[in-house]
PDB file of N, CA and C in Angstrom:
ATOM      1  N   UNK A   1      -1.886   7.088  29.581  1.00  0.00           N
ATOM      2  CA  UNK A   1      -1.643   5.707  29.156  1.00  0.00           C
ATOM      3  C   UNK A   1      -0.594   5.735  28.052  1.00  0.00           C
ATOM      4  N   UNK A   2       0.301   4.806  28.094  1.00  0.00           N
ATOM      5  CA  UNK A   2       1.300   4.651  27.054  1.00  0.00           C
ATOM      6  C   UNK A   2       1.151   3.295  26.433  1.00  0.00           C
ATOM      7  N   UNK A   3       1.039   3.251  25.113  1.00  0.00           N
ATOM      8  CA  UNK A   3       0.984   1.987  24.397  1.00  0.00           C
ATOM      9  C   UNK A   3       2.354   1.756  23.749  1.00  0.00           C
ATOM     10  N   UNK A   4       2.902   0.594  23.983  1.00  0.00           N
ATOM     11  CA  UNK A   4       4.143   0.182  23.342  1.00  0.00           C
ATOM     12  C   UNK A   4       3.776  -0.918  22.362  1.00  0.00           C
ATOM     13  N   UNK A   5       4.158  -0.714  21.111  1.00  0.00           N
ATOM     14  CA  UNK A   5       3.753  -1.633  20.036  1.00  0.00           C
ATOM     15  C   UNK A   5       4.997  -2.336  19.482  1.00  0.00           C
ATOM     16  N   UNK A   6       4.940  -3.639  19.453  1.00  0.00           N
ATOM     17  CA  UNK A   6       6.002  -4.437  18.858  1.00  0.00           C
ATOM     18  C   UNK A   6       5.716  -4.542  17.355  1.00  0.00           C
ATOM     19  N   UNK A   7       6.557  -3.919  16.532  1.00  0.00           N
ATOM     20  CA  UNK A   7       6.272  -3.925  15.101  1.00  0.00           C
ATOM     21  C   UNK A   7       6.400  -5.289  14.459  1.00  0.00           C
ATOM     22  N   UNK A   8       6.951  -6.253  15.177  1.00  0.00           N
ATOM     23  CA  UNK A   8       7.064  -7.625  14.635  1.00  0.00           C
ATOM     24  C   UNK A   8       5.861  -8.477  15.062  1.00  0.00           C
ATOM     25  N   UNK A   9       4.832  -7.829  15.635  1.00  0.00           N
ATOM     26  CA  UNK A   9       3.661  -8.550  16.120  1.00  0.00           C
ATOM     27  C   UNK A   9       2.386  -7.977  15.479  1.00  0.00           C
ATOM     28  N   UNK A  10       2.003  -8.509  14.303  1.00  0.00           N
ATOM     29  CA  UNK A  10       0.816  -7.957  13.605  1.00  0.00           C
ATOM     30  C   UNK A  10      -0.447  -8.018  14.437  1.00  0.00           C
ATOM     31  N   UNK A  11      -0.638  -9.075  15.219  1.00  0.00           N
ATOM     32  CA  UNK A  11      -1.836  -9.178  16.067  1.00  0.00           C
ATOM     33  C   UNK A  11      -1.808  -8.110  17.147  1.00  0.00           C
ATOM     34  N   UNK A  12      -0.631  -7.837  17.700  1.00  0.00           N
ATOM     35  CA  UNK A  12      -0.486  -6.777  18.703  1.00  0.00           C
ATOM     36  C   UNK A  12      -0.805  -5.410  18.121  1.00  0.00           C
ATOM     37  N   UNK A  13      -0.375  -5.176  16.897  1.00  0.00           N
ATOM     38  CA  UNK A  13      -0.669  -3.905  16.228  1.00  0.00           C
ATOM     39  C   UNK A  13      -2.168  -3.754  16.047  1.00  0.00           C
ATOM     40  N   UNK A  14      -2.838  -4.815  15.609  1.00  0.00           N
ATOM     41  CA  UNK A  14      -4.295  -4.775  15.456  1.00  0.00           C
ATOM     42  C   UNK A  14      -4.973  -4.494  16.799  1.00  0.00           C
ATOM     43  N   UNK A  15      -4.484  -5.148  17.839  1.00  0.00           N
ATOM     44  CA  UNK A  15      -5.071  -4.919  19.183  1.00  0.00           C
ATOM     45  C   UNK A  15      -4.869  -3.471  19.629  1.00  0.00           C
ATOM     46  N   UNK A  16      -3.713  -2.888  19.312  1.00  0.00           N
ATOM     47  CA  UNK A  16      -3.446  -1.493  19.665  1.00  0.00           C
ATOM     48  C   UNK A  16      -4.441  -0.568  18.960  1.00  0.00           C
ATOM     49  N   UNK A  17      -4.718  -0.829  17.666  1.00  0.00           N
ATOM     50  CA  UNK A  17      -5.694  -0.042  16.933  1.00  0.00           C
ATOM     51  C   UNK A  17      -7.060  -0.114  17.594  1.00  0.00           C
ATOM     52  N   UNK A  18      -7.431  -1.326  18.010  1.00  0.00           N
ATOM     53  CA  UNK A  18      -8.714  -1.517  18.667  1.00  0.00           C
ATOM     54  C   UNK A  18      -8.772  -0.725  19.990  1.00  0.00           C
ATOM     55  N   UNK A  19      -7.678  -0.767  20.736  1.00  0.00           N
ATOM     56  CA  UNK A  19      -7.596  -0.051  22.004  1.00  0.00           C
ATOM     57  C   UNK A  19      -7.750   1.450  21.768  1.00  0.00           C
ATOM     58  N   UNK A  20      -7.095   1.956  20.768  1.00  0.00           N
ATOM     59  CA  UNK A  20      -7.169   3.386  20.434  1.00  0.00           C
ATOM     60  C   UNK A  20      -8.607   3.755  20.070  1.00  0.00           C
ATOM     61  N   UNK A  21      -9.294   2.903  19.313  1.00  0.00           N
ATOM     62  CA  UNK A  21     -10.684   3.168  18.928  1.00  0.00           C
ATOM     63  C   UNK A  21     -11.576   3.223  20.143  1.00  0.00           C
ATOM     64  N   UNK A  22     -11.376   2.324  21.092  1.00  0.00           N
ATOM     65  CA  UNK A  22     -12.162   2.322  22.333  1.00  0.00           C
ATOM     66  C   UNK A  22     -11.892   3.608  23.117  1.00  0.00           C
ATOM     67  N   UNK A  23     -10.646   3.978  23.236  1.00  0.00           N
ATOM     68  CA  UNK A  23     -10.312   5.226  23.983  1.00  0.00           C
ATOM     69  C   UNK A  23     -10.899   6.452  23.309  1.00  0.00           C
ATOM     70  N   UNK A  24     -10.888   6.482  21.967  1.00  0.00           N
ATOM     71  CA  UNK A  24     -11.459   7.633  21.245  1.00  0.00           C
ATOM     72  C   UNK A  24     -12.964   7.709  21.483  1.00  0.00           C
ATOM     73  N   UNK A  25     -13.641   6.558  21.473  1.00  0.00           N
ATOM     74  CA  UNK A  25     -15.073   6.555  21.705  1.00  0.00           C
ATOM     75  C   UNK A  25     -15.391   7.046  23.099  1.00  0.00           C
ATOM     76  N   UNK A  26     -14.641   6.604  24.099  1.00  0.00           N
ATOM     77  CA  UNK A  26     -14.862   7.012  25.484  1.00  0.00           C
ATOM     78  C   UNK A  26     -14.639   8.511  25.653  1.00  0.00           C
ATOM     79  N   UNK A  27     -13.716   9.071  24.842  1.00  0.00           N
ATOM     80  CA  UNK A  27     -13.414  10.493  24.932  1.00  0.00           C
ATOM     81  C   UNK A  27     -14.365  11.320  24.084  1.00  0.00           C
ATOM     82  N   UNK A  28     -15.299  10.644  23.397  1.00  0.00           N
ATOM     83  CA  UNK A  28     -16.275  11.356  22.568  1.00  0.00           C
ATOM     84  C   UNK A  28     -15.721  11.831  21.252  1.00  0.00           C
ATOM     85  N   UNK A  29     -14.655  11.253  20.824  1.00  0.00           N
ATOM     86  CA  UNK A  29     -14.050  11.643  19.542  1.00  0.00           C
ATOM     87  C   UNK A  29     -14.508  10.695  18.436  1.00  0.00           C
ATOM     88  N   UNK A  30     -14.451  11.201  17.231  1.00  0.00           N
ATOM     89  CA  UNK A  30     -14.779  10.373  16.078  1.00  0.00           C
ATOM     90  C   UNK A  30     -13.688   9.343  15.869  1.00  0.00           C
ATOM     91  N   UNK A  31     -14.092   8.119  15.671  1.00  0.00           N
ATOM     92  CA  UNK A  31     -13.125   7.048  15.440  1.00  0.00           C
ATOM     93  C   UNK A  31     -12.687   7.105  13.987  1.00  0.00           C
ATOM     94  N   UNK A  32     -11.393   7.270  13.772  1.00  0.00           N
ATOM     95  CA  UNK A  32     -10.833   7.317  12.424  1.00  0.00           C
ATOM     96  C   UNK A  32     -10.697   5.914  11.887  1.00  0.00           C
ATOM     97  N   UNK A  33     -10.950   5.697  10.612  1.00  0.00           N
ATOM     98  CA  UNK A  33     -10.715   4.368  10.063  1.00  0.00           C
ATOM     99  C   UNK A  33      -9.251   4.023  10.061  1.00  0.00           C
ATOM    100  N   UNK A  34      -8.972   2.737  10.113  1.00  0.00           N
ATOM    101  CA  UNK A  34      -7.582   2.317  10.033  1.00  0.00           C
ATOM    102  C   UNK A  34      -7.005   2.762   8.702  1.00  0.00           C
ATOM    103  N   UNK A  35      -5.784   3.263   8.700  1.00  0.00           N
ATOM    104  CA  UNK A  35      -5.241   3.809   7.470  1.00  0.00           C
ATOM    105  C   UNK A  35      -4.890   2.808   6.388  1.00  0.00           C
ATOM    106  N   UNK A  36      -4.838   1.547   6.716  1.00  0.00           N
ATOM    107  CA  UNK A  36      -4.406   0.535   5.737  1.00  0.00           C
ATOM    108  C   UNK A  36      -5.360  -0.642   5.809  1.00  0.00           C
ATOM    109  N   UNK A  37      -6.311  -0.720   4.886  1.00  0.00           N
ATOM    110  CA  UNK A  37      -7.294  -1.788   4.967  1.00  0.00           C
ATOM    111  C   UNK A  37      -7.481  -2.530   3.638  1.00  0.00           C
ATOM    112  N   UNK A  38      -6.632  -2.292   2.673  1.00  0.00           N
ATOM    113  CA  UNK A  38      -6.765  -2.933   1.369  1.00  0.00           C
ATOM    114  C   UNK A  38      -6.458  -4.416   1.502  1.00  0.00           C
ATOM    115  N   UNK A  39      -7.383  -5.229   1.036  1.00  0.00           N
ATOM    116  CA  UNK A  39      -7.178  -6.680   1.050  1.00  0.00           C
ATOM    117  C   UNK A  39      -7.555  -7.237  -0.300  1.00  0.00           C
ATOM    118  N   UNK A  40      -6.827  -8.232  -0.765  1.00  0.00           N
ATOM    119  CA  UNK A  40      -7.181  -8.896  -1.999  1.00  0.00           C
ATOM    120  C   UNK A  40      -6.602 -10.292  -1.995  1.00  0.00           C
ATOM    121  N   UNK A  41      -7.154 -11.142  -2.830  1.00  0.00           N
ATOM    122  CA  UNK A  41      -6.749 -12.521  -2.882  1.00  0.00           C
ATOM    123  C   UNK A  41      -5.561 -12.789  -3.787  1.00  0.00           C
ATOM    124  N   UNK A  42      -5.168 -14.010  -3.842  1.00  0.00           N
ATOM    125  CA  UNK A  42      -3.989 -14.396  -4.597  1.00  0.00           C
ATOM    126  C   UNK A  42      -4.118 -14.104  -6.075  1.00  0.00           C
ATOM    127  N   UNK A  43      -5.264 -14.411  -6.677  1.00  0.00           N
ATOM    128  CA  UNK A  43      -5.477 -14.165  -8.107  1.00  0.00           C
ATOM    129  C   UNK A  43      -5.393 -12.659  -8.399  1.00  0.00           C
ATOM    130  N   UNK A  44      -6.035 -11.833  -7.559  1.00  0.00           N
ATOM    131  CA  UNK A  44      -5.968 -10.386  -7.756  1.00  0.00           C
ATOM    132  C   UNK A  44      -4.533  -9.887  -7.629  1.00  0.00           C
ATOM    133  N   UNK A  45      -3.794 -10.469  -6.713  1.00  0.00           N
ATOM    134  CA  UNK A  45      -2.390 -10.101  -6.515  1.00  0.00           C
ATOM    135  C   UNK A  45      -1.576 -10.438  -7.760  1.00  0.00           C
ATOM    136  N   UNK A  46      -1.765 -11.631  -8.289  1.00  0.00           N
ATOM    137  CA  UNK A  46      -1.038 -12.041  -9.484  1.00  0.00           C
ATOM    138  C   UNK A  46      -1.390 -11.128 -10.666  1.00  0.00           C
ATOM    139  N   UNK A  47      -2.658 -10.792 -10.819  1.00  0.00           N
ATOM    140  CA  UNK A  47      -3.066  -9.887 -11.888  1.00  0.00           C
ATOM    141  C   UNK A  47      -2.437  -8.519 -11.731  1.00  0.00           C
ATOM    142  N   UNK A  48      -2.337  -8.030 -10.499  1.00  0.00           N
ATOM    143  CA  UNK A  48      -1.701  -6.744 -10.239  1.00  0.00           C
ATOM    144  C   UNK A  48      -0.225  -6.793 -10.604  1.00  0.00           C
ATOM    145  N   UNK A  49       0.444  -7.880 -10.249  1.00  0.00           N
ATOM    146  CA  UNK A  49       1.879  -8.019 -10.585  1.00  0.00           C
ATOM    147  C   UNK A  49       2.075  -8.038 -12.112  1.00  0.00           C
ATOM    148  N   UNK A  50       1.221  -8.777 -12.801  1.00  0.00           N
ATOM    149  CA  UNK A  50       1.305  -8.824 -14.274  1.00  0.00           C
ATOM    150  C   UNK A  50       1.075  -7.438 -14.868  1.00  0.00           C
ATOM    151  N   UNK A  51       0.112  -6.717 -14.326  1.00  0.00           N
ATOM    152  CA  UNK A  51      -0.176  -5.357 -14.824  1.00  0.00           C
ATOM    153  C   UNK A  51       1.032  -4.445 -14.603  1.00  0.00           C
ATOM    154  N   UNK A  52       1.658  -4.551 -13.450  1.00  0.00           N
ATOM    155  CA  UNK A  52       2.826  -3.737 -13.168  1.00  0.00           C
ATOM    156  C   UNK A  52       3.964  -4.015 -14.153  1.00  0.00           C
ATOM    157  N   UNK A  53       4.230  -5.278 -14.360  1.00  0.00           N
ATOM    158  CA  UNK A  53       5.318  -5.655 -15.310  1.00  0.00           C
ATOM    159  C   UNK A  53       4.975  -5.162 -16.701  1.00  0.00           C
ATOM    160  N   UNK A  54       3.740  -5.356 -17.131  1.00  0.00           N
ATOM    161  CA  UNK A  54       3.315  -4.924 -18.446  1.00  0.00           C
ATOM    162  C   UNK A  54       3.494  -3.391 -18.602  1.00  0.00           C
ATOM    163  N   UNK A  55       3.067  -2.646 -17.599  1.00  0.00           N
ATOM    164  CA  UNK A  55       3.211  -1.182 -17.652  1.00  0.00           C
ATOM    165  C   UNK A  55       4.663  -0.768 -17.703  1.00  0.00           C
ATOM    166  N   UNK A  56       5.526  -1.429 -16.931  1.00  0.00           N
ATOM    167  CA  UNK A  56       6.935  -1.082 -16.926  1.00  0.00           C
ATOM    168  C   UNK A  56       7.589  -1.365 -18.284  1.00  0.00           C
ATOM    169  N   UNK A  57       7.256  -2.493 -18.868  1.00  0.00           N
ATOM    170  CA  UNK A  57       7.822  -2.841 -20.190  1.00  0.00           C
ATOM    171  C   UNK A  57       7.305  -1.867 -21.250  1.00  0.00           C
ATOM    172  N   UNK A  58       6.008  -1.534 -21.205  1.00  0.00           N
ATOM    173  CA  UNK A  58       5.463  -0.573 -22.182  1.00  0.00           C
ATOM    174  C   UNK A  58       6.144   0.800 -22.044  1.00  0.00           C
ATOM    175  N   UNK A  59       6.374   1.215 -20.797  1.00  0.00           N
ATOM    176  CA  UNK A  59       7.036   2.496 -20.566  1.00  0.00           C
ATOM    177  C   UNK A  59       8.472   2.451 -21.034  1.00  0.00           C
ATOM    178  N   UNK A  60       9.144   1.334 -20.882  1.00  0.00           N
ATOM    179  CA  UNK A  60      10.518   1.158 -21.313  1.00  0.00           C
ATOM    180  C   UNK A  60      10.617   1.232 -22.837  1.00  0.00           C
ATOM    181  N   UNK A  61       9.621   0.667 -23.541  1.00  0.00           N
ATOM    182  CA  UNK A  61       9.634   0.677 -24.998  1.00  0.00           C
ATOM    183  C   UNK A  61       9.228   2.022 -25.604  1.00  0.00           C
ATOM    184  N   UNK A  62       8.537   2.849 -24.813  1.00  0.00           N
ATOM    185  CA  UNK A  62       8.039   4.139 -25.290  1.00  0.00           C
ATOM    186  C   UNK A  62       9.155   5.186 -25.215  1.00  0.00           C
ATOM    187  N   UNK A  63       9.663   5.680 -26.346  1.00  0.00           N
ATOM    188  CA  UNK A  63      10.748   6.651 -26.328  1.00  0.00           C
ATOM    189  C   UNK A  63      10.365   7.995 -25.684  1.00  0.00           C
ATOM    190  N   UNK A  64       9.066   8.297 -25.626  1.00  0.00           N
ATOM    191  CA  UNK A  64       8.624   9.560 -25.038  1.00  0.00           C
ATOM    192  C   UNK A  64       8.425   9.454 -23.521  1.00  0.00           C
ATOM    193  N   UNK A  65       8.464   8.269 -22.986  1.00  0.00           N
ATOM    194  CA  UNK A  65       8.259   8.082 -21.564  1.00  0.00           C
ATOM    195  C   UNK A  65       9.609   8.235 -20.836  1.00  0.00           C
ATOM    196  N   UNK A  66       9.662   9.119 -19.887  1.00  0.00           N
ATOM    197  CA  UNK A  66      10.928   9.386 -19.174  1.00  0.00           C
ATOM    198  C   UNK A  66      10.978   8.711 -17.786  1.00  0.00           C
ATOM    199  N   UNK A  67       9.933   7.975 -17.405  1.00  0.00           N
ATOM    200  CA  UNK A  67       9.945   7.329 -16.090  1.00  0.00           C
ATOM    201  C   UNK A  67      10.738   6.036 -16.076  1.00  0.00           C
ATOM    202  N   UNK A  68      10.783   5.349 -17.210  1.00  0.00           N
ATOM    203  CA  UNK A  68      11.535   4.101 -17.283  1.00  0.00           C
ATOM    204  C   UNK A  68      12.500   4.196 -18.456  1.00  0.00           C
ATOM    205  N   UNK A  69      13.723   4.579 -18.141  1.00  0.00           N
ATOM    206  CA  UNK A  69      14.733   4.797 -19.183  1.00  0.00           C
ATOM    207  C   UNK A  69      15.705   3.627 -19.340  1.00  0.00           C
ATOM    208  N   UNK A  70      15.783   2.795 -18.289  1.00  0.00           N
ATOM    209  CA  UNK A  70      16.658   1.631 -18.320  1.00  0.00           C
ATOM    210  C   UNK A  70      16.125   0.554 -17.363  1.00  0.00           C
ATOM    211  N   UNK A  71      16.810  -0.565 -17.284  1.00  0.00           N
ATOM    212  CA  UNK A  71      16.332  -1.644 -16.461  1.00  0.00           C
ATOM    213  C   UNK A  71      16.316  -1.298 -14.960  1.00  0.00           C
ATOM    214  N   UNK A  72      17.266  -0.484 -14.531  1.00  0.00           N
ATOM    215  CA  UNK A  72      17.289  -0.070 -13.119  1.00  0.00           C
ATOM    216  C   UNK A  72      16.049   0.776 -12.783  1.00  0.00           C
ATOM    217  N   UNK A  73      15.665   1.662 -13.681  1.00  0.00           N
ATOM    218  CA  UNK A  73      14.481   2.475 -13.456  1.00  0.00           C
ATOM    219  C   UNK A  73      13.229   1.609 -13.472  1.00  0.00           C
ATOM    220  N   UNK A  74      13.252   0.548 -14.240  1.00  0.00           N
ATOM    221  CA  UNK A  74      12.106  -0.352 -14.350  1.00  0.00           C
ATOM    222  C   UNK A  74      11.797  -0.990 -12.986  1.00  0.00           C
ATOM    223  N   UNK A  75      12.813  -1.251 -12.199  1.00  0.00           N
ATOM    224  CA  UNK A  75      12.625  -1.921 -10.923  1.00  0.00           C
ATOM    225  C   UNK A  75      12.831  -0.948  -9.755  1.00  0.00           C
ATOM    226  N   UNK A  76      12.695   0.350 -10.022  1.00  0.00           N
ATOM    227  CA  UNK A  76      12.935   1.320  -8.976  1.00  0.00           C
ATOM    228  C   UNK A  76      11.814   1.361  -7.941  1.00  0.00           C
ATOM    229  N   UNK A  77      12.157   1.788  -6.748  1.00  0.00           N
ATOM    230  CA  UNK A  77      11.178   1.918  -5.678  1.00  0.00           C
ATOM    231  C   UNK A  77      10.129   2.960  -6.035  1.00  0.00           C
ATOM    232  N   UNK A  78      10.547   4.023  -6.689  1.00  0.00           N
ATOM    233  CA  UNK A  78       9.607   5.107  -7.037  1.00  0.00           C
ATOM    234  C   UNK A  78       8.519   4.592  -7.983  1.00  0.00           C
ATOM    235  N   UNK A  79       8.890   3.877  -9.033  1.00  0.00           N
ATOM    236  CA  UNK A  79       7.884   3.362  -9.958  1.00  0.00           C
ATOM    237  C   UNK A  79       6.979   2.325  -9.281  1.00  0.00           C
ATOM    238  N   UNK A  80       7.559   1.500  -8.434  1.00  0.00           N
ATOM    239  CA  UNK A  80       6.769   0.511  -7.724  1.00  0.00           C
ATOM    240  C   UNK A  80       5.786   1.188  -6.775  1.00  0.00           C
ATOM    241  N   UNK A  81       6.239   2.219  -6.055  1.00  0.00           N
ATOM    242  CA  UNK A  81       5.370   2.936  -5.146  1.00  0.00           C
ATOM    243  C   UNK A  81       4.234   3.645  -5.888  1.00  0.00           C
ATOM    244  N   UNK A  82       4.536   4.246  -7.022  1.00  0.00           N
ATOM    245  CA  UNK A  82       3.514   4.926  -7.802  1.00  0.00           C
ATOM    246  C   UNK A  82       2.428   3.932  -8.205  1.00  0.00           C
ATOM    247  N   UNK A  83       2.831   2.747  -8.651  1.00  0.00           N
ATOM    248  CA  UNK A  83       1.873   1.725  -9.021  1.00  0.00           C
ATOM    249  C   UNK A  83       1.051   1.278  -7.788  1.00  0.00           C
ATOM    250  N   UNK A  84       1.722   1.012  -6.673  1.00  0.00           N
ATOM    251  CA  UNK A  84       1.015   0.579  -5.450  1.00  0.00           C
ATOM    252  C   UNK A  84       0.042   1.656  -4.985  1.00  0.00           C
ATOM    253  N   UNK A  85       0.436   2.920  -5.061  1.00  0.00           N
ATOM    254  CA  UNK A  85      -0.478   4.002  -4.674  1.00  0.00           C
ATOM    255  C   UNK A  85      -1.758   3.983  -5.518  1.00  0.00           C
ATOM    256  N   UNK A  86      -1.601   3.734  -6.802  1.00  0.00           N
ATOM    257  CA  UNK A  86      -2.791   3.672  -7.685  1.00  0.00           C
ATOM    258  C   UNK A  86      -3.711   2.540  -7.263  1.00  0.00           C
ATOM    259  N   UNK A  87      -3.154   1.391  -6.956  1.00  0.00           N
ATOM    260  CA  UNK A  87      -4.005   0.258  -6.534  1.00  0.00           C
ATOM    261  C   UNK A  87      -4.698   0.553  -5.217  1.00  0.00           C
ATOM    262  N   UNK A  88      -3.970   1.058  -4.243  1.00  0.00           N
ATOM    263  CA  UNK A  88      -4.536   1.272  -2.916  1.00  0.00           C
ATOM    264  C   UNK A  88      -5.440   2.516  -2.866  1.00  0.00           C
ATOM    265  N   UNK A  89      -5.382   3.347  -3.870  1.00  0.00           N
ATOM    266  CA  UNK A  89      -6.285   4.474  -3.942  1.00  0.00           C
ATOM    267  C   UNK A  89      -7.513   4.176  -4.830  1.00  0.00           C
ATOM    268  N   UNK A  90      -7.574   2.931  -5.317  1.00  0.00           N
ATOM    269  CA  UNK A  90      -8.713   2.493  -6.111  1.00  0.00           C
ATOM    270  C   UNK A  90      -8.673   2.928  -7.575  1.00  0.00           C
ATOM    271  N   UNK A  91      -7.499   3.415  -8.018  1.00  0.00           N
ATOM    272  CA  UNK A  91      -7.365   3.811  -9.416  1.00  0.00           C
ATOM    273  C   UNK A  91      -7.021   2.592 -10.275  1.00  0.00           C
ATOM    274  N   UNK A  92      -7.280   2.692 -11.534  1.00  0.00           N
ATOM    275  CA  UNK A  92      -6.967   1.565 -12.443  1.00  0.00           C
ATOM    276  C   UNK A  92      -5.659   1.766 -13.124  1.00  0.00           C
TER     277      UNK A  92
END
């Protein structure tokens, strides 16, 4: 069987995950959890954004911090990813 997934179709992607889970069960394999299941509401999202900005400004002001040395570093993909990884891994 070949599954073709349209990446512009979130419902189709969810359906493909469900199909894979059914096939794994039929084959006697352990069903792996979906790799991306973090959900939060609007208020939690706003608080996370505020925390990110606060951390970036604090790092920018700290002369010993080398991760944020200028405004470009403050908005870098690397710093944003590091922050997102902490949230999605349940770290504070």
